Amino acid sequence: MREAAPSNLEESILAFGRSWYKYGGGSEEDIYVQFGLSARSYFERLAVLLDGPAASGKEEPTLHTMRAVCATRLR
C-alpha cells in the first residue's frame, strides 16, 4: 500500500519547524499567525509528523533536535 504524500499544511508545519528549531521553535504569536493554532496544538502535530513518513529522508540529527524542541514545548 502506498503512503499518502504530506499535505500542504504538513509540509508547512515541517518547514516552519526546520526554520525555527534552533531558536526554540518559534513564538506562540508566530505560530498562531502562520497556522491559526495554539503553540501546543502546533507542537503536537509537529511531533507526530516528525515520527511519520512526511519526515522520512530528512537528516536524523535535525529530526532528533526538532523532537527535543517539541518535548520541551509540550511540557
PDB file of N, CA and C in Angstrom:
ATOM      1  N   MET A   1       0.840  -1.176   0.000  1.00  0.00           N
ATOM      2  CA  MET A   1       0.000   0.000   0.000  1.00  0.00           C
ATOM      3  C   MET A   1       0.887   1.241   0.000  1.00  0.00           C
ATOM      4  N   ARG A   2       0.533   2.210  -0.800  1.00  0.00           N
ATOM      5  CA  ARG A   2       1.295   3.444  -0.938  1.00  0.00           C
ATOM      6  C   ARG A   2       0.871   4.444   0.119  1.00  0.00           C
ATOM      7  N   GLU A   3       1.856   5.096   0.740  1.00  0.00           N
ATOM      8  CA  GLU A   3       1.546   6.097   1.753  1.00  0.00           C
ATOM      9  C   GLU A   3       1.202   7.414   1.075  1.00  0.00           C
ATOM     10  N   ALA A   4       0.271   8.142   1.686  1.00  0.00           N
ATOM     11  CA  ALA A   4      -0.156   9.421   1.124  1.00  0.00           C
ATOM     12  C   ALA A   4       0.962  10.444   1.256  1.00  0.00           C
ATOM     13  N   ALA A   5       1.049  11.314   0.268  1.00  0.00           N
ATOM     14  CA  ALA A   5       2.020  12.410   0.315  1.00  0.00           C
ATOM     15  C   ALA A   5       1.578  13.409   1.383  1.00  0.00           C
ATOM     16  N   PRO A   6       2.554  14.081   2.000  1.00  0.00           N
ATOM     17  CA  PRO A   6       2.173  15.064   3.022  1.00  0.00           C
ATOM     18  C   PRO A   6       1.335  16.187   2.410  1.00  0.00           C
ATOM     19  N   SER A   7       0.381  16.674   3.182  1.00  0.00           N
ATOM     20  CA  SER A   7      -0.442  17.787   2.716  1.00  0.00           C
ATOM     21  C   SER A   7       0.368  19.070   2.769  1.00  0.00           C
ATOM     22  N   ASN A   8      -0.168  20.115   2.156  1.00  0.00           N
ATOM     23  CA  ASN A   8       0.498  21.414   2.207  1.00  0.00           C
ATOM     24  C   ASN A   8       0.650  21.892   3.643  1.00  0.00           C
ATOM     25  N   LEU A   9      -0.357  21.654   4.485  1.00  0.00           N
ATOM     26  CA  LEU A   9      -0.267  22.058   5.884  1.00  0.00           C
ATOM     27  C   LEU A   9       0.854  21.295   6.579  1.00  0.00           C
ATOM     28  N   GLU A  10       0.942  19.998   6.353  1.00  0.00           N
ATOM     29  CA  GLU A  10       2.007  19.201   6.956  1.00  0.00           C
ATOM     30  C   GLU A  10       3.376  19.692   6.503  1.00  0.00           C
ATOM     31  N   GLU A  11       3.512  19.962   5.214  1.00  0.00           N
ATOM     32  CA  GLU A  11       4.778  20.471   4.687  1.00  0.00           C
ATOM     33  C   GLU A  11       5.108  21.819   5.315  1.00  0.00           C
ATOM     34  N   SER A  12       4.103  22.671   5.498  1.00  0.00           N
ATOM     35  CA  SER A  12       4.310  23.984   6.106  1.00  0.00           C
ATOM     36  C   SER A  12       4.724  23.861   7.571  1.00  0.00           C
ATOM     37  N   ILE A  13       4.091  22.951   8.284  1.00  0.00           N
ATOM     38  CA  ILE A  13       4.443  22.737   9.693  1.00  0.00           C
ATOM     39  C   ILE A  13       5.888  22.254   9.797  1.00  0.00           C
ATOM     40  N   LEU A  14       6.279  21.307   8.967  1.00  0.00           N
ATOM     41  CA  LEU A  14       7.659  20.811   8.984  1.00  0.00           C
ATOM     42  C   LEU A  14       8.650  21.905   8.584  1.00  0.00           C
ATOM     43  N   ALA A  15       8.311  22.690   7.574  1.00  0.00           N
ATOM     44  CA  ALA A  15       9.208  23.760   7.126  1.00  0.00           C
ATOM     45  C   ALA A  15       9.386  24.806   8.226  1.00  0.00           C
ATOM     46  N   PHE A  16       8.305  25.172   8.882  1.00  0.00           N
ATOM     47  CA  PHE A  16       8.376  26.132   9.986  1.00  0.00           C
ATOM     48  C   PHE A  16       9.244  25.548  11.104  1.00  0.00           C
ATOM     49  N   GLY A  17       9.032  24.286  11.413  1.00  0.00           N
ATOM     50  CA  GLY A  17       9.824  23.627  12.440  1.00  0.00           C
ATOM     51  C   GLY A  17      11.304  23.614  12.110  1.00  0.00           C
ATOM     52  N   ARG A  18      11.639  23.343  10.843  1.00  0.00           N
ATOM     53  CA  ARG A  18      13.049  23.353  10.426  1.00  0.00           C
ATOM     54  C   ARG A  18      13.636  24.753  10.506  1.00  0.00           C
ATOM     55  N   SER A  19      12.836  25.759  10.232  1.00  0.00           N
ATOM     56  CA  SER A  19      13.324  27.138  10.275  1.00  0.00           C
ATOM     57  C   SER A  19      13.563  27.632  11.689  1.00  0.00           C
ATOM     58  N   TRP A  20      12.764  27.146  12.635  1.00  0.00           N
ATOM     59  CA  TRP A  20      12.772  27.714  13.981  1.00  0.00           C
ATOM     60  C   TRP A  20      13.330  26.818  15.083  1.00  0.00           C
ATOM     61  N   TYR A  21      13.672  25.563  14.790  1.00  0.00           N
ATOM     62  CA  TYR A  21      14.087  24.668  15.876  1.00  0.00           C
ATOM     63  C   TYR A  21      15.331  25.153  16.595  1.00  0.00           C
ATOM     64  N   LYS A  22      16.233  25.827  15.902  1.00  0.00           N
ATOM     65  CA  LYS A  22      17.461  26.331  16.532  1.00  0.00           C
ATOM     66  C   LYS A  22      17.171  27.454  17.528  1.00  0.00           C
ATOM     67  N   TYR A  23      15.979  28.025  17.431  1.00  0.00           N
ATOM     68  CA  TYR A  23      15.589  29.153  18.281  1.00  0.00           C
ATOM     69  C   TYR A  23      14.470  28.789  19.250  1.00  0.00           C
ATOM     70  N   GLY A  24      14.320  27.515  19.507  1.00  0.00           N
ATOM     71  CA  GLY A  24      13.315  27.073  20.467  1.00  0.00           C
ATOM     72  C   GLY A  24      11.942  26.825  19.873  1.00  0.00           C
ATOM     73  N   GLY A  25      11.808  26.895  18.565  1.00  0.00           N
ATOM     74  CA  GLY A  25      10.564  26.514  17.917  1.00  0.00           C
ATOM     75  C   GLY A  25       9.654  27.626  17.459  1.00  0.00           C
ATOM     76  N   GLY A  26      10.017  28.865  17.695  1.00  0.00           N
ATOM     77  CA  GLY A  26       9.164  29.980  17.273  1.00  0.00           C
ATOM     78  C   GLY A  26       8.239  30.429  18.384  1.00  0.00           C
ATOM     79  N   SER A  27       7.802  31.663  18.289  1.00  0.00           N
ATOM     80  CA  SER A  27       6.938  32.222  19.331  1.00  0.00           C
ATOM     81  C   SER A  27       5.500  31.744  19.167  1.00  0.00           C
ATOM     82  N   GLU A  28       4.761  31.805  20.250  1.00  0.00           N
ATOM     83  CA  GLU A  28       3.346  31.439  20.196  1.00  0.00           C
ATOM     84  C   GLU A  28       2.607  32.319  19.194  1.00  0.00           C
ATOM     85  N   GLU A  29       2.967  33.604  19.157  1.00  0.00           N
ATOM     86  CA  GLU A  29       2.316  34.532  18.228  1.00  0.00           C
ATOM     87  C   GLU A  29       2.609  34.160  16.781  1.00  0.00           C
ATOM     88  N   ASP A  30       3.872  33.869  16.459  1.00  0.00           N
ATOM     89  CA  ASP A  30       4.225  33.482  15.088  1.00  0.00           C
ATOM     90  C   ASP A  30       3.493  32.211  14.663  1.00  0.00           C
ATOM     91  N   ILE A  31       3.410  31.262  15.574  1.00  0.00           N
ATOM     92  CA  ILE A  31       2.715  30.004  15.274  1.00  0.00           C
ATOM     93  C   ILE A  31       1.239  30.267  15.013  1.00  0.00           C
ATOM     94  N   TYR A  32       0.627  31.100  15.839  1.00  0.00           N
ATOM     95  CA  TYR A  32      -0.791  31.391  15.659  1.00  0.00           C
ATOM     96  C   TYR A  32      -1.035  32.134  14.343  1.00  0.00           C
ATOM     97  N   VAL A  33      -0.194  33.112  14.048  1.00  0.00           N
ATOM     98  CA  VAL A  33      -0.370  33.887  12.813  1.00  0.00           C
ATOM     99  C   VAL A  33      -0.178  32.989  11.591  1.00  0.00           C
ATOM    100  N   GLN A  34       0.813  32.120  11.636  1.00  0.00           N
ATOM    101  CA  GLN A  34       1.124  31.259  10.490  1.00  0.00           C
ATOM    102  C   GLN A  34       0.091  30.153  10.278  1.00  0.00           C
ATOM    103  N   PHE A  35      -0.375  29.543  11.386  1.00  0.00           N
ATOM    104  CA  PHE A  35      -1.201  28.341  11.257  1.00  0.00           C
ATOM    105  C   PHE A  35      -2.587  28.443  11.876  1.00  0.00           C
ATOM    106  N   GLY A  36      -2.828  29.486  12.670  1.00  0.00           N
ATOM    107  CA  GLY A  36      -4.112  29.579  13.356  1.00  0.00           C
ATOM    108  C   GLY A  36      -4.256  28.534  14.444  1.00  0.00           C
ATOM    109  N   LEU A  37      -3.127  28.075  14.975  1.00  0.00           N
ATOM    110  CA  LEU A  37      -3.109  27.040  16.003  1.00  0.00           C
ATOM    111  C   LEU A  37      -2.455  27.583  17.266  1.00  0.00           C
ATOM    112  N   SER A  38      -2.854  27.022  18.395  1.00  0.00           N
ATOM    113  CA  SER A  38      -2.109  27.306  19.616  1.00  0.00           C
ATOM    114  C   SER A  38      -0.738  26.655  19.478  1.00  0.00           C
ATOM    115  N   ALA A  39       0.210  27.131  20.268  1.00  0.00           N
ATOM    116  CA  ALA A  39       1.548  26.539  20.227  1.00  0.00           C
ATOM    117  C   ALA A  39       1.471  25.055  20.590  1.00  0.00           C
ATOM    118  N   ARG A  40       0.668  24.716  21.563  1.00  0.00           N
ATOM    119  CA  ARG A  40       0.544  23.314  21.984  1.00  0.00           C
ATOM    120  C   ARG A  40       0.038  22.446  20.823  1.00  0.00           C
ATOM    121  N   SER A  41      -1.000  22.889  20.139  1.00  0.00           N
ATOM    122  CA  SER A  41      -1.530  22.118  19.005  1.00  0.00           C
ATOM    123  C   SER A  41      -0.493  21.977  17.901  1.00  0.00           C
ATOM    124  N   TYR A  42       0.230  23.060  17.627  1.00  0.00           N
ATOM    125  CA  TYR A  42       1.274  23.021  16.603  1.00  0.00           C
ATOM    126  C   TYR A  42       2.343  21.982  16.964  1.00  0.00           C
ATOM    127  N   PHE A  43       2.861  22.039  18.200  1.00  0.00           N
ATOM    128  CA  PHE A  43       3.931  21.120  18.579  1.00  0.00           C
ATOM    129  C   PHE A  43       3.445  19.683  18.683  1.00  0.00           C
ATOM    130  N   GLU A  44       2.187  19.471  19.028  1.00  0.00           N
ATOM    131  CA  GLU A  44       1.631  18.119  18.996  1.00  0.00           C
ATOM    132  C   GLU A  44       1.623  17.586  17.563  1.00  0.00           C
ATOM    133  N   ARG A  45       1.186  18.410  16.625  1.00  0.00           N
ATOM    134  CA  ARG A  45       1.161  17.991  15.217  1.00  0.00           C
ATOM    135  C   ARG A  45       2.568  17.771  14.688  1.00  0.00           C
ATOM    136  N   LEU A  46       3.468  18.700  15.016  1.00  0.00           N
ATOM    137  CA  LEU A  46       4.845  18.568  14.549  1.00  0.00           C
ATOM    138  C   LEU A  46       5.467  17.279  15.074  1.00  0.00           C
ATOM    139  N   ALA A  47       5.252  16.963  16.338  1.00  0.00           N
ATOM    140  CA  ALA A  47       5.810  15.746  16.927  1.00  0.00           C
ATOM    141  C   ALA A  47       5.335  14.509  16.175  1.00  0.00           C
ATOM    142  N   VAL A  48       4.062  14.469  15.827  1.00  0.00           N
ATOM    143  CA  VAL A  48       3.527  13.328  15.070  1.00  0.00           C
ATOM    144  C   VAL A  48       4.175  13.261  13.687  1.00  0.00           C
ATOM    145  N   LEU A  49       4.295  14.407  13.032  1.00  0.00           N
ATOM    146  CA  LEU A  49       4.889  14.440  11.693  1.00  0.00           C
ATOM    147  C   LEU A  49       6.352  14.004  11.706  1.00  0.00           C
ATOM    148  N   LEU A  50       7.081  14.365  12.753  1.00  0.00           N
ATOM    149  CA  LEU A  50       8.496  14.013  12.832  1.00  0.00           C
ATOM    150  C   LEU A  50       8.720  12.509  12.949  1.00  0.00           C
ATOM    151  N   ASP A  51       7.715  11.794  13.413  1.00  0.00           N
ATOM    152  CA  ASP A  51       7.820  10.340  13.538  1.00  0.00           C
ATOM    153  C   ASP A  51       7.118   9.606  12.397  1.00  0.00           C
ATOM    154  N   GLY A  52       6.637  10.339  11.422  1.00  0.00           N
ATOM    155  CA  GLY A  52       5.889   9.728  10.334  1.00  0.00           C
ATOM    156  C   GLY A  52       6.594   9.825   9.000  1.00  0.00           C
ATOM    157  N   PRO A  53       5.916   9.396   7.964  1.00  0.00           N
ATOM    158  CA  PRO A  53       6.510   9.353   6.627  1.00  0.00           C
ATOM    159  C   PRO A  53       6.843  10.731   6.056  1.00  0.00           C
ATOM    160  N   ALA A  54       6.182  11.787   6.521  1.00  0.00           N
ATOM    161  CA  ALA A  54       6.452  13.129   5.993  1.00  0.00           C
ATOM    162  C   ALA A  54       7.877  13.573   6.287  1.00  0.00           C
ATOM    163  N   ALA A  55       8.479  13.037   7.346  1.00  0.00           N
ATOM    164  CA  ALA A  55       9.842  13.420   7.735  1.00  0.00           C
ATOM    165  C   ALA A  55      10.894  12.449   7.216  1.00  0.00           C
ATOM    166  N   SER A  56      10.465  11.393   6.537  1.00  0.00           N
ATOM    167  CA  SER A  56      11.445  10.416   6.056  1.00  0.00           C
ATOM    168  C   SER A  56      12.379  11.082   5.048  1.00  0.00           C
ATOM    169  N   GLY A  57      13.626  10.680   5.118  1.00  0.00           N
ATOM    170  CA  GLY A  57      14.619  11.241   4.216  1.00  0.00           C
ATOM    171  C   GLY A  57      15.271  12.508   4.740  1.00  0.00           C
ATOM    172  N   LYS A  58      14.804  13.007   5.858  1.00  0.00           N
ATOM    173  CA  LYS A  58      15.405  14.192   6.473  1.00  0.00           C
ATOM    174  C   LYS A  58      16.582  13.755   7.331  1.00  0.00           C
ATOM    175  N   GLU A  59      17.471  14.674   7.623  1.00  0.00           N
ATOM    176  CA  GLU A  59      18.652  14.360   8.429  1.00  0.00           C
ATOM    177  C   GLU A  59      18.254  14.020   9.855  1.00  0.00           C
ATOM    178  N   GLU A  60      18.676  12.850  10.313  1.00  0.00           N
ATOM    179  CA  GLU A  60      18.290  12.372  11.644  1.00  0.00           C
ATOM    180  C   GLU A  60      18.747  13.292  12.772  1.00  0.00           C
ATOM    181  N   PRO A  61      19.951  13.866  12.742  1.00  0.00           N
ATOM    182  CA  PRO A  61      20.309  14.785  13.837  1.00  0.00           C
ATOM    183  C   PRO A  61      19.358  15.984  13.939  1.00  0.00           C
ATOM    184  N   THR A  62      18.931  16.489  12.814  1.00  0.00           N
ATOM    185  CA  THR A  62      17.971  17.598  12.810  1.00  0.00           C
ATOM    186  C   THR A  62      16.637  17.136  13.378  1.00  0.00           C
ATOM    187  N   LEU A  63      16.162  15.980  12.950  1.00  0.00           N
ATOM    188  CA  LEU A  63      14.901  15.447  13.456  1.00  0.00           C
ATOM    189  C   LEU A  63      14.976  15.221  14.958  1.00  0.00           C
ATOM    190  N   HIS A  64      16.092  14.705  15.418  1.00  0.00           N
ATOM    191  CA  HIS A  64      16.276  14.465  16.856  1.00  0.00           C
ATOM    192  C   HIS A  64      16.167  15.782  17.632  1.00  0.00           C
ATOM    193  N   THR A  65      16.820  16.812  17.150  1.00  0.00           N
ATOM    194  CA  THR A  65      16.768  18.114  17.826  1.00  0.00           C
ATOM    195  C   THR A  65      15.368  18.710  17.752  1.00  0.00           C
ATOM    196  N   MET A  66      14.699  18.561  16.623  1.00  0.00           N
ATOM    197  CA  MET A  66      13.326  19.066  16.497  1.00  0.00           C
ATOM    198  C   MET A  66      12.392  18.332  17.459  1.00  0.00           C
ATOM    199  N   ARG A  67      12.585  17.016  17.609  1.00  0.00           N
ATOM    200  CA  ARG A  67      11.776  16.253  18.586  1.00  0.00           C
ATOM    201  C   ARG A  67      12.013  16.765  20.003  1.00  0.00           C
ATOM    202  N   ALA A  68      13.262  17.101  20.310  1.00  0.00           N
ATOM    203  CA  ALA A  68      13.597  17.620  21.639  1.00  0.00           C
ATOM    204  C   ALA A  68      12.911  18.972  21.868  1.00  0.00           C
ATOM    205  N   VAL A  69      12.868  19.811  20.862  1.00  0.00           N
ATOM    206  CA  VAL A  69      12.166  21.099  20.981  1.00  0.00           C
ATOM    207  C   VAL A  69      10.680  20.856  21.245  1.00  0.00           C
ATOM    208  N   CYS A  70      10.092  19.920  20.503  1.00  0.00           N
ATOM    209  CA  CYS A  70       8.677  19.591  20.718  1.00  0.00           C
ATOM    210  C   CYS A  70       8.451  19.138  22.163  1.00  0.00           C
ATOM    211  N   ALA A  71       9.304  18.236  22.633  1.00  0.00           N
ATOM    212  CA  ALA A  71       9.141  17.717  24.001  1.00  0.00           C
ATOM    213  C   ALA A  71       9.224  18.846  25.016  1.00  0.00           C
ATOM    214  N   THR A  72      10.167  19.750  24.826  1.00  0.00           N
ATOM    215  CA  THR A  72      10.312  20.880  25.751  1.00  0.00           C
ATOM    216  C   THR A  72       9.083  21.774  25.716  1.00  0.00           C
ATOM    217  N   ARG A  73       8.596  22.071  24.525  1.00  0.00           N
ATOM    218  CA  ARG A  73       7.461  22.972  24.400  1.00  0.00           C
ATOM    219  C   ARG A  73       6.143  22.337  24.871  1.00  0.00           C
ATOM    220  N   LEU A  74       6.089  21.010  24.885  1.00  0.00           N
ATOM    221  CA  LEU A  74       4.880  20.322  25.317  1.00  0.00           C
ATOM    222  C   LEU A  74       4.859  20.010  26.810  1.00  0.00           C
ATOM    223  N   ARG A  75       5.922  20.337  27.523  1.00  0.00           N
ATOM    224  CA  ARG A  75       5.948  20.122  28.985  1.00  0.00           C
ATOM    225  C   ARG A  75       5.059  21.091  29.679  1.00  0.00           C
TER     226      ARG A  75
END
